[in-house]
PDB file of N, CA and C in Angstrom:
ATOM      1  N   UNK A   1      15.995   5.717   3.250  1.00  0.00           N
ATOM      2  CA  UNK A   1      16.046   4.340   3.703  1.00  0.00           C
ATOM      3  C   UNK A   1      17.275   4.224   4.581  1.00  0.00           C
ATOM      4  N   UNK A   2      17.063   4.005   5.824  1.00  0.00           N
ATOM      5  CA  UNK A   2      18.159   3.926   6.782  1.00  0.00           C
ATOM      6  C   UNK A   2      19.080   2.767   6.437  1.00  0.00           C
ATOM      7  N   UNK A   3      20.377   3.069   6.333  1.00  0.00           N
ATOM      8  CA  UNK A   3      21.346   2.018   6.073  1.00  0.00           C
ATOM      9  C   UNK A   3      21.406   1.551   4.636  1.00  0.00           C
ATOM     10  N   UNK A   4      20.580   2.156   3.736  1.00  0.00           N
ATOM     11  CA  UNK A   4      20.568   1.732   2.352  1.00  0.00           C
ATOM     12  C   UNK A   4      21.733   2.312   1.577  1.00  0.00           C
ATOM     13  N   UNK A   5      22.011   1.745   0.429  1.00  0.00           N
ATOM     14  CA  UNK A   5      23.122   2.208  -0.383  1.00  0.00           C
ATOM     15  C   UNK A   5      22.652   3.111  -1.515  1.00  0.00           C
ATOM     16  N   UNK A   6      21.368   3.350  -1.617  1.00  0.00           N
ATOM     17  CA  UNK A   6      20.839   4.190  -2.680  1.00  0.00           C
ATOM     18  C   UNK A   6      21.116   5.649  -2.378  1.00  0.00           C
ATOM     19  N   UNK A   7      21.225   6.445  -3.440  1.00  0.00           N
ATOM     20  CA  UNK A   7      21.495   7.864  -3.271  1.00  0.00           C
ATOM     21  C   UNK A   7      20.214   8.673  -3.457  1.00  0.00           C
ATOM     22  N   UNK A   8      19.167   8.282  -2.801  1.00  0.00           N
ATOM     23  CA  UNK A   8      17.913   9.020  -2.850  1.00  0.00           C
ATOM     24  C   UNK A   8      18.038  10.255  -1.970  1.00  0.00           C
ATOM     25  N   UNK A   9      17.361  11.344  -2.355  1.00  0.00           N
ATOM     26  CA  UNK A   9      17.364  12.521  -1.486  1.00  0.00           C
ATOM     27  C   UNK A   9      16.758  12.173  -0.128  1.00  0.00           C
ATOM     28  N   UNK A  10      17.266  12.816   0.884  1.00  0.00           N
ATOM     29  CA  UNK A  10      16.794  12.500   2.232  1.00  0.00           C
ATOM     30  C   UNK A  10      15.355  12.964   2.440  1.00  0.00           C
ATOM     31  N   UNK A  11      14.688  12.284   3.320  1.00  0.00           N
ATOM     32  CA  UNK A  11      13.323  12.607   3.722  1.00  0.00           C
ATOM     33  C   UNK A  11      13.309  12.834   5.223  1.00  0.00           C
ATOM     34  N   UNK A  12      12.317  13.553   5.726  1.00  0.00           N
ATOM     35  CA  UNK A  12      12.202  13.720   7.178  1.00  0.00           C
ATOM     36  C   UNK A  12      12.052  12.361   7.873  1.00  0.00           C
ATOM     37  N   UNK A  13      12.542  12.298   9.106  1.00  0.00           N
ATOM     38  CA  UNK A  13      12.495  11.041   9.866  1.00  0.00           C
ATOM     39  C   UNK A  13      11.095  10.466   9.970  1.00  0.00           C
ATOM     40  N   UNK A  14      10.093  11.313  10.158  1.00  0.00           N
ATOM     41  CA  UNK A  14       8.732  10.796  10.332  1.00  0.00           C
ATOM     42  C   UNK A  14       8.233  10.119   9.058  1.00  0.00           C
ATOM     43  N   UNK A  15       8.661  10.595   7.888  1.00  0.00           N
ATOM     44  CA  UNK A  15       8.267   9.941   6.640  1.00  0.00           C
ATOM     45  C   UNK A  15       9.024   8.626   6.482  1.00  0.00           C
ATOM     46  N   UNK A  16      10.281   8.596   6.879  1.00  0.00           N
ATOM     47  CA  UNK A  16      11.038   7.344   6.844  1.00  0.00           C
ATOM     48  C   UNK A  16      10.444   6.312   7.799  1.00  0.00           C
ATOM     49  N   UNK A  17       9.906   6.764   8.937  1.00  0.00           N
ATOM     50  CA  UNK A  17       9.214   5.840   9.844  1.00  0.00           C
ATOM     51  C   UNK A  17       7.964   5.275   9.175  1.00  0.00           C
ATOM     52  N   UNK A  18       7.257   6.106   8.436  1.00  0.00           N
ATOM     53  CA  UNK A  18       6.096   5.622   7.685  1.00  0.00           C
ATOM     54  C   UNK A  18       6.531   4.596   6.641  1.00  0.00           C
ATOM     55  N   UNK A  19       7.637   4.880   5.965  1.00  0.00           N
ATOM     56  CA  UNK A  19       8.166   3.938   4.978  1.00  0.00           C
ATOM     57  C   UNK A  19       8.513   2.600   5.627  1.00  0.00           C
ATOM     58  N   UNK A  20       9.183   2.649   6.768  1.00  0.00           N
ATOM     59  CA  UNK A  20       9.553   1.410   7.452  1.00  0.00           C
ATOM     60  C   UNK A  20       8.319   0.591   7.808  1.00  0.00           C
ATOM     61  N   UNK A  21       7.270   1.260   8.220  1.00  0.00           N
ATOM     62  CA  UNK A  21       6.016   0.573   8.558  1.00  0.00           C
ATOM     63  C   UNK A  21       5.440  -0.117   7.312  1.00  0.00           C
ATOM     64  N   UNK A  22       5.361   0.616   6.215  1.00  0.00           N
ATOM     65  CA  UNK A  22       4.836   0.038   4.974  1.00  0.00           C
ATOM     66  C   UNK A  22       5.747  -1.057   4.437  1.00  0.00           C
ATOM     67  N   UNK A  23       7.048  -0.818   4.485  1.00  0.00           N
ATOM     68  CA  UNK A  23       8.016  -1.808   4.000  1.00  0.00           C
ATOM     69  C   UNK A  23       7.881  -3.116   4.768  1.00  0.00           C
ATOM     70  N   UNK A  24       7.756  -3.019   6.080  1.00  0.00           N
ATOM     71  CA  UNK A  24       7.616  -4.236   6.888  1.00  0.00           C
ATOM     72  C   UNK A  24       6.380  -5.019   6.469  1.00  0.00           C
ATOM     73  N   UNK A  25       5.267  -4.336   6.286  1.00  0.00           N
ATOM     74  CA  UNK A  25       4.024  -4.996   5.875  1.00  0.00           C
ATOM     75  C   UNK A  25       4.189  -5.640   4.494  1.00  0.00           C
ATOM     76  N   UNK A  26       4.773  -4.915   3.567  1.00  0.00           N
ATOM     77  CA  UNK A  26       4.938  -5.433   2.210  1.00  0.00           C
ATOM     78  C   UNK A  26       5.965  -6.555   2.148  1.00  0.00           C
ATOM     79  N   UNK A  27       7.007  -6.484   2.951  1.00  0.00           N
ATOM     80  CA  UNK A  27       8.010  -7.553   2.960  1.00  0.00           C
ATOM     81  C   UNK A  27       7.436  -8.850   3.501  1.00  0.00           C
ATOM     82  N   UNK A  28       6.546  -8.754   4.480  1.00  0.00           N
ATOM     83  CA  UNK A  28       5.891  -9.971   4.989  1.00  0.00           C
ATOM     84  C   UNK A  28       5.090 -10.625   3.874  1.00  0.00           C
ATOM     85  N   UNK A  29       4.414  -9.822   3.062  1.00  0.00           N
ATOM     86  CA  UNK A  29       3.650 -10.363   1.939  1.00  0.00           C
ATOM     87  C   UNK A  29       4.580 -10.902   0.860  1.00  0.00           C
ATOM     88  N   UNK A  30       5.687 -10.206   0.619  1.00  0.00           N
ATOM     89  CA  UNK A  30       6.638 -10.588  -0.424  1.00  0.00           C
ATOM     90  C   UNK A  30       7.211 -11.977  -0.162  1.00  0.00           C
ATOM     91  N   UNK A  31       7.519 -12.275   1.084  1.00  0.00           N
ATOM     92  CA  UNK A  31       8.091 -13.575   1.429  1.00  0.00           C
ATOM     93  C   UNK A  31       7.147 -14.720   1.091  1.00  0.00           C
ATOM     94  N   UNK A  32       5.837 -14.461   1.141  1.00  0.00           N
ATOM     95  CA  UNK A  32       4.844 -15.492   0.863  1.00  0.00           C
ATOM     96  C   UNK A  32       4.332 -15.470  -0.577  1.00  0.00           C
ATOM     97  N   UNK A  33       4.823 -14.535  -1.393  1.00  0.00           N
ATOM     98  CA  UNK A  33       4.208 -14.302  -2.692  1.00  0.00           C
ATOM     99  C   UNK A  33       4.826 -15.061  -3.854  1.00  0.00           C
ATOM    100  N   UNK A  34       5.864 -15.818  -3.635  1.00  0.00           N
ATOM    101  CA  UNK A  34       6.515 -16.571  -4.712  1.00  0.00           C
ATOM    102  C   UNK A  34       6.906 -15.653  -5.869  1.00  0.00           C
ATOM    103  N   UNK A  35       7.542 -14.554  -5.534  1.00  0.00           N
ATOM    104  CA  UNK A  35       8.130 -13.579  -6.463  1.00  0.00           C
ATOM    105  C   UNK A  35       7.142 -12.836  -7.363  1.00  0.00           C
ATOM    106  N   UNK A  36       5.869 -12.876  -7.076  1.00  0.00           N
ATOM    107  CA  UNK A  36       4.957 -12.024  -7.833  1.00  0.00           C
ATOM    108  C   UNK A  36       4.826 -10.694  -7.081  1.00  0.00           C
ATOM    109  N   UNK A  37       4.520  -9.610  -7.789  1.00  0.00           N
ATOM    110  CA  UNK A  37       4.421  -8.316  -7.118  1.00  0.00           C
ATOM    111  C   UNK A  37       3.343  -8.325  -6.035  1.00  0.00           C
ATOM    112  N   UNK A  38       3.679  -7.747  -4.916  1.00  0.00           N
ATOM    113  CA  UNK A  38       2.711  -7.621  -3.833  1.00  0.00           C
ATOM    114  C   UNK A  38       2.539  -6.148  -3.526  1.00  0.00           C
ATOM    115  N   UNK A  39       1.383  -5.819  -3.025  1.00  0.00           N
ATOM    116  CA  UNK A  39       1.120  -4.426  -2.716  1.00  0.00           C
ATOM    117  C   UNK A  39       0.063  -4.289  -1.649  1.00  0.00           C
ATOM    118  N   UNK A  40      -0.196  -3.043  -1.348  1.00  0.00           N
ATOM    119  CA  UNK A  40      -1.227  -2.704  -0.381  1.00  0.00           C
ATOM    120  C   UNK A  40      -2.043  -1.567  -0.978  1.00  0.00           C
ATOM    121  N   UNK A  41      -3.341  -1.695  -0.906  1.00  0.00           N
ATOM    122  CA  UNK A  41      -4.212  -0.642  -1.411  1.00  0.00           C
ATOM    123  C   UNK A  41      -3.960   0.639  -0.625  1.00  0.00           C
ATOM    124  N   UNK A  42      -4.034   1.778  -1.299  1.00  0.00           N
ATOM    125  CA  UNK A  42      -3.757   3.062  -0.663  1.00  0.00           C
ATOM    126  C   UNK A  42      -4.601   3.289   0.608  1.00  0.00           C
ATOM    127  N   UNK A  43      -5.916   3.024   0.586  1.00  0.00           N
ATOM    128  CA  UNK A  43      -6.682   3.233   1.828  1.00  0.00           C
ATOM    129  C   UNK A  43      -6.195   2.350   2.979  1.00  0.00           C
ATOM    130  N   UNK A  44      -5.808   1.116   2.673  1.00  0.00           N
ATOM    131  CA  UNK A  44      -5.287   0.223   3.711  1.00  0.00           C
ATOM    132  C   UNK A  44      -3.936   0.722   4.219  1.00  0.00           C
ATOM    133  N   UNK A  45      -3.115   1.268   3.316  1.00  0.00           N
ATOM    134  CA  UNK A  45      -1.817   1.817   3.720  1.00  0.00           C
ATOM    135  C   UNK A  45      -2.004   3.009   4.650  1.00  0.00           C
ATOM    136  N   UNK A  46      -2.959   3.849   4.335  1.00  0.00           N
ATOM    137  CA  UNK A  46      -3.236   5.011   5.189  1.00  0.00           C
ATOM    138  C   UNK A  46      -3.687   4.540   6.566  1.00  0.00           C
ATOM    139  N   UNK A  47      -4.588   3.584   6.598  1.00  0.00           N
ATOM    140  CA  UNK A  47      -5.067   3.051   7.877  1.00  0.00           C
ATOM    141  C   UNK A  47      -3.926   2.428   8.672  1.00  0.00           C
ATOM    142  N   UNK A  48      -3.062   1.695   7.996  1.00  0.00           N
ATOM    143  CA  UNK A  48      -1.901   1.088   8.651  1.00  0.00           C
ATOM    144  C   UNK A  48      -1.025   2.161   9.285  1.00  0.00           C
ATOM    145  N   UNK A  49      -0.751   3.220   8.545  1.00  0.00           N
ATOM    146  CA  UNK A  49       0.086   4.293   9.082  1.00  0.00           C
ATOM    147  C   UNK A  49      -0.577   4.994  10.261  1.00  0.00           C
ATOM    148  N   UNK A  50      -1.886   5.167  10.195  1.00  0.00           N
ATOM    149  CA  UNK A  50      -2.595   5.853  11.274  1.00  0.00           C
ATOM    150  C   UNK A  50      -2.657   5.020  12.552  1.00  0.00           C
ATOM    151  N   UNK A  51      -2.601   3.704  12.414  1.00  0.00           N
ATOM    152  CA  UNK A  51      -2.801   2.843  13.591  1.00  0.00           C
ATOM    153  C   UNK A  51      -1.546   2.169  14.115  1.00  0.00           C
ATOM    154  N   UNK A  52      -0.473   2.089  13.319  1.00  0.00           N
ATOM    155  CA  UNK A  52       0.669   1.297  13.784  1.00  0.00           C
ATOM    156  C   UNK A  52       1.983   2.044  13.911  1.00  0.00           C
ATOM    157  N   UNK A  53       2.084   3.256  13.402  1.00  0.00           N
ATOM    158  CA  UNK A  53       3.358   3.970  13.531  1.00  0.00           C
ATOM    159  C   UNK A  53       3.443   4.640  14.893  1.00  0.00           C
ATOM    160  N   UNK A  54       4.674   4.912  15.301  1.00  0.00           N
ATOM    161  CA  UNK A  54       4.889   5.648  16.544  1.00  0.00           C
ATOM    162  C   UNK A  54       4.649   7.143  16.356  1.00  0.00           C
ATOM    163  N   UNK A  55       4.516   7.561  15.112  1.00  0.00           N
ATOM    164  CA  UNK A  55       4.278   8.956  14.785  1.00  0.00           C
ATOM    165  C   UNK A  55       2.772   9.218  14.845  1.00  0.00           C
ATOM    166  N   UNK A  56       2.387  10.325  15.463  1.00  0.00           N
ATOM    167  CA  UNK A  56       0.983  10.716  15.494  1.00  0.00           C
ATOM    168  C   UNK A  56       0.651  11.397  14.179  1.00  0.00           C
ATOM    169  N   UNK A  57      -0.247  10.789  13.426  1.00  0.00           N
ATOM    170  CA  UNK A  57      -0.585  11.282  12.093  1.00  0.00           C
ATOM    171  C   UNK A  57      -2.069  11.565  11.959  1.00  0.00           C
ATOM    172  N   UNK A  58      -2.381  12.531  11.132  1.00  0.00           N
ATOM    173  CA  UNK A  58      -3.725  12.763  10.642  1.00  0.00           C
ATOM    174  C   UNK A  58      -3.806  12.086   9.272  1.00  0.00           C
ATOM    175  N   UNK A  59      -4.997  11.810   8.766  1.00  0.00           N
ATOM    176  CA  UNK A  59      -5.087  11.180   7.437  1.00  0.00           C
ATOM    177  C   UNK A  59      -4.340  11.949   6.341  1.00  0.00           C
ATOM    178  N   UNK A  60      -4.389  13.265   6.375  1.00  0.00           N
ATOM    179  CA  UNK A  60      -3.665  14.051   5.370  1.00  0.00           C
ATOM    180  C   UNK A  60      -2.158  13.867   5.495  1.00  0.00           C
ATOM    181  N   UNK A  61      -1.665  13.688   6.731  1.00  0.00           N
ATOM    182  CA  UNK A  61      -0.236  13.432   6.933  1.00  0.00           C
ATOM    183  C   UNK A  61       0.164  12.106   6.294  1.00  0.00           C
ATOM    184  N   UNK A  62      -0.654  11.093   6.481  1.00  0.00           N
ATOM    185  CA  UNK A  62      -0.369   9.782   5.904  1.00  0.00           C
ATOM    186  C   UNK A  62      -0.371   9.861   4.376  1.00  0.00           C
ATOM    187  N   UNK A  63      -1.330  10.569   3.806  1.00  0.00           N
ATOM    188  CA  UNK A  63      -1.377  10.777   2.352  1.00  0.00           C
ATOM    189  C   UNK A  63      -0.114  11.486   1.873  1.00  0.00           C
ATOM    190  N   UNK A  64       0.299  12.523   2.597  1.00  0.00           N
ATOM    191  CA  UNK A  64       1.495  13.277   2.239  1.00  0.00           C
ATOM    192  C   UNK A  64       2.731  12.372   2.269  1.00  0.00           C
ATOM    193  N   UNK A  65       2.858  11.574   3.317  1.00  0.00           N
ATOM    194  CA  UNK A  65       4.004  10.670   3.438  1.00  0.00           C
ATOM    195  C   UNK A  65       4.034   9.691   2.267  1.00  0.00           C
ATOM    196  N   UNK A  66       2.905   9.127   1.931  1.00  0.00           N
ATOM    197  CA  UNK A  66       2.834   8.190   0.804  1.00  0.00           C
ATOM    198  C   UNK A  66       3.222   8.892  -0.495  1.00  0.00           C
ATOM    199  N   UNK A  67       2.706  10.097  -0.701  1.00  0.00           N
ATOM    200  CA  UNK A  67       3.043  10.841  -1.912  1.00  0.00           C
ATOM    201  C   UNK A  67       4.544  11.130  -1.992  1.00  0.00           C
ATOM    202  N   UNK A  68       5.150  11.504  -0.885  1.00  0.00           N
ATOM    203  CA  UNK A  68       6.593  11.768  -0.874  1.00  0.00           C
ATOM    204  C   UNK A  68       7.380  10.490  -1.170  1.00  0.00           C
ATOM    205  N   UNK A  69       6.950   9.358  -0.610  1.00  0.00           N
ATOM    206  CA  UNK A  69       7.626   8.085  -0.860  1.00  0.00           C
ATOM    207  C   UNK A  69       7.496   7.669  -2.332  1.00  0.00           C
ATOM    208  N   UNK A  70       6.361   7.962  -2.925  1.00  0.00           N
ATOM    209  CA  UNK A  70       6.178   7.696  -4.348  1.00  0.00           C
ATOM    210  C   UNK A  70       7.078   8.611  -5.186  1.00  0.00           C
ATOM    211  N   UNK A  71       7.094   9.887  -4.837  1.00  0.00           N
ATOM    212  CA  UNK A  71       7.884  10.856  -5.602  1.00  0.00           C
ATOM    213  C   UNK A  71       9.381  10.588  -5.523  1.00  0.00           C
ATOM    214  N   UNK A  72       9.838  10.037  -4.413  1.00  0.00           N
ATOM    215  CA  UNK A  72      11.266   9.785  -4.224  1.00  0.00           C
ATOM    216  C   UNK A  72      11.690   8.382  -4.651  1.00  0.00           C
ATOM    217  N   UNK A  73      10.747   7.568  -5.119  1.00  0.00           N
ATOM    218  CA  UNK A  73      11.092   6.262  -5.661  1.00  0.00           C
ATOM    219  C   UNK A  73      11.167   5.133  -4.651  1.00  0.00           C
ATOM    220  N   UNK A  74      10.724   5.353  -3.433  1.00  0.00           N
ATOM    221  CA  UNK A  74      10.696   4.268  -2.448  1.00  0.00           C
ATOM    222  C   UNK A  74       9.572   3.289  -2.771  1.00  0.00           C
ATOM    223  N   UNK A  75       8.477   3.820  -3.299  1.00  0.00           N
ATOM    224  CA  UNK A  75       7.302   3.039  -3.662  1.00  0.00           C
ATOM    225  C   UNK A  75       6.907   3.399  -5.085  1.00  0.00           C
ATOM    226  N   UNK A  76       6.105   2.523  -5.699  1.00  0.00           N
ATOM    227  CA  UNK A  76       5.431   2.878  -6.940  1.00  0.00           C
ATOM    228  C   UNK A  76       3.990   2.419  -6.810  1.00  0.00           C
ATOM    229  N   UNK A  77       3.136   2.941  -7.683  1.00  0.00           N
ATOM    230  CA  UNK A  77       1.704   2.680  -7.561  1.00  0.00           C
ATOM    231  C   UNK A  77       1.164   2.113  -8.865  1.00  0.00           C
ATOM    232  N   UNK A  78       0.390   1.038  -8.737  1.00  0.00           N
ATOM    233  CA  UNK A  78      -0.324   0.441  -9.855  1.00  0.00           C
ATOM    234  C   UNK A  78      -1.791   0.502  -9.482  1.00  0.00           C
ATOM    235  N   UNK A  79      -2.541   1.289 -10.280  1.00  0.00           N
ATOM    236  CA  UNK A  79      -3.910   1.613  -9.942  1.00  0.00           C
ATOM    237  C   UNK A  79      -3.886   2.235  -8.548  1.00  0.00           C
ATOM    238  N   UNK A  80      -4.501   1.658  -7.541  1.00  0.00           N
ATOM    239  CA  UNK A  80      -4.422   2.261  -6.198  1.00  0.00           C
ATOM    240  C   UNK A  80      -3.591   1.395  -5.255  1.00  0.00           C
ATOM    241  N   UNK A  81      -2.804   0.477  -5.819  1.00  0.00           N
ATOM    242  CA  UNK A  81      -1.993  -0.430  -5.015  1.00  0.00           C
ATOM    243  C   UNK A  81      -0.547   0.060  -4.941  1.00  0.00           C
ATOM    244  N   UNK A  82      -0.043   0.201  -3.723  1.00  0.00           N
ATOM    245  CA  UNK A  82       1.333   0.634  -3.490  1.00  0.00           C
ATOM    246  C   UNK A  82       2.233  -0.584  -3.431  1.00  0.00           C
ATOM    247  N   UNK A  83       3.387  -0.485  -4.102  1.00  0.00           N
ATOM    248  CA  UNK A  83       4.348  -1.591  -4.133  1.00  0.00           C
ATOM    249  C   UNK A  83       5.747  -1.062  -3.856  1.00  0.00           C
ATOM    250  N   UNK A  84       6.602  -1.940  -3.339  1.00  0.00           N
ATOM    251  CA  UNK A  84       8.004  -1.593  -3.126  1.00  0.00           C
ATOM    252  C   UNK A  84       8.710  -1.530  -4.473  1.00  0.00           C
ATOM    253  N   UNK A  85       9.553  -0.533  -4.655  1.00  0.00           N
ATOM    254  CA  UNK A  85      10.267  -0.363  -5.914  1.00  0.00           C
ATOM    255  C   UNK A  85      11.217  -1.528  -6.175  1.00  0.00           C
ATOM    256  N   UNK A  86      11.984  -1.926  -5.165  1.00  0.00           N
ATOM    257  CA  UNK A  86      12.935  -3.028  -5.302  1.00  0.00           C
ATOM    258  C   UNK A  86      12.757  -3.983  -4.128  1.00  0.00           C
ATOM    259  N   UNK A  87      11.731  -4.826  -4.164  1.00  0.00           N
ATOM    260  CA  UNK A  87      11.460  -5.672  -3.000  1.00  0.00           C
ATOM    261  C   UNK A  87      12.603  -6.603  -2.628  1.00  0.00           C
ATOM    262  N   UNK A  88      13.358  -7.088  -3.612  1.00  0.00           N
ATOM    263  CA  UNK A  88      14.485  -7.975  -3.285  1.00  0.00           C
ATOM    264  C   UNK A  88      15.476  -7.275  -2.370  1.00  0.00           C
ATOM    265  N   UNK A  89      15.798  -6.028  -2.681  1.00  0.00           N
ATOM    266  CA  UNK A  89      16.744  -5.269  -1.860  1.00  0.00           C
ATOM    267  C   UNK A  89      16.084  -4.758  -0.578  1.00  0.00           C
ATOM    268  N   UNK A  90      14.880  -4.222  -0.699  1.00  0.00           N
ATOM    269  CA  UNK A  90      14.231  -3.600   0.435  1.00  0.00           C
ATOM    270  C   UNK A  90      13.806  -4.597   1.505  1.00  0.00           C
ATOM    271  N   UNK A  91      13.601  -5.832   1.112  1.00  0.00           N
ATOM    272  CA  UNK A  91      13.206  -6.853   2.083  1.00  0.00           C
ATOM    273  C   UNK A  91      14.394  -7.670   2.565  1.00  0.00           C
ATOM    274  N   UNK A  92      15.567  -7.447   2.000  1.00  0.00           N
ATOM    275  CA  UNK A  92      16.742  -8.226   2.371  1.00  0.00           C
ATOM    276  C   UNK A  92      17.074  -8.089   3.851  1.00  0.00           C
ATOM    277  N   UNK A  93      16.911  -6.899   4.403  1.00  0.00           N
ATOM    278  CA  UNK A  93      17.238  -6.714   5.822  1.00  0.00           C
ATOM    279  C   UNK A  93      16.240  -7.444   6.712  1.00  0.00           C
ATOM    280  N   UNK A  94      15.035  -7.697   6.203  1.00  0.00           N
ATOM    281  CA  UNK A  94      14.043  -8.439   6.970  1.00  0.00           C
ATOM    282  C   UNK A  94      14.453  -9.899   7.108  1.00  0.00           C
ATOM    283  N   UNK A  95      15.020 -10.450   6.048  1.00  0.00           N
ATOM    284  CA  UNK A  95      15.318 -11.874   6.034  1.00  0.00           C
ATOM    285  C   UNK A  95      16.757 -12.184   6.466  1.00  0.00           C
ATOM    286  N   UNK A  96      17.623 -11.152   6.529  1.00  0.00           N
ATOM    287  CA  UNK A  96      19.013 -11.426   6.845  1.00  0.00           C
ATOM    288  C   UNK A  96      19.339 -11.307   8.320  1.00  0.00           C
ATOM    289  N   UNK A  97      18.366 -10.954   9.139  1.00  0.00           N
ATOM    290  CA  UNK A  97      18.669 -10.855  10.575  1.00  0.00           C
ATOM    291  C   UNK A  97      18.786 -12.240  11.178  1.00  0.00           C
ATOM    292  N   UNK A  98      19.735 -12.404  12.121  1.00  0.00           N
ATOM    293  CA  UNK A  98      19.932 -13.725  12.717  1.00  0.00           C
ATOM    294  C   UNK A  98      18.693 -14.194  13.461  1.00  0.00           C
ATOM    295  N   UNK A  99      18.408 -15.451  13.381  1.00  0.00           N
ATOM    296  CA  UNK A  99      17.176 -15.927  14.003  1.00  0.00           C
ATOM    297  C   UNK A  99      17.283 -17.196  14.667  1.00  0.00           C
TER     298      UNK A  99
END
């Protein structure tokens, strides 16, 4: 997580770009969710990564990126829904930019 204070092991830049894409989508939902957990279904997350990131991905690449983000604690999964581990912290940079 670029600029974060967590001591998570580093990930390749392309996976962090995938994380930023998913985080942005989930943070938009979080702001409207009145503090209930929000998530994105795994197939929708894969489609989002394939269509909106600047990284050229194959479906297996998107699956790999999601798995790495889950393994490193950036995301967690409930059934097939991906959620941010700490949405309050992870979405703070979305809401703290001057506007």
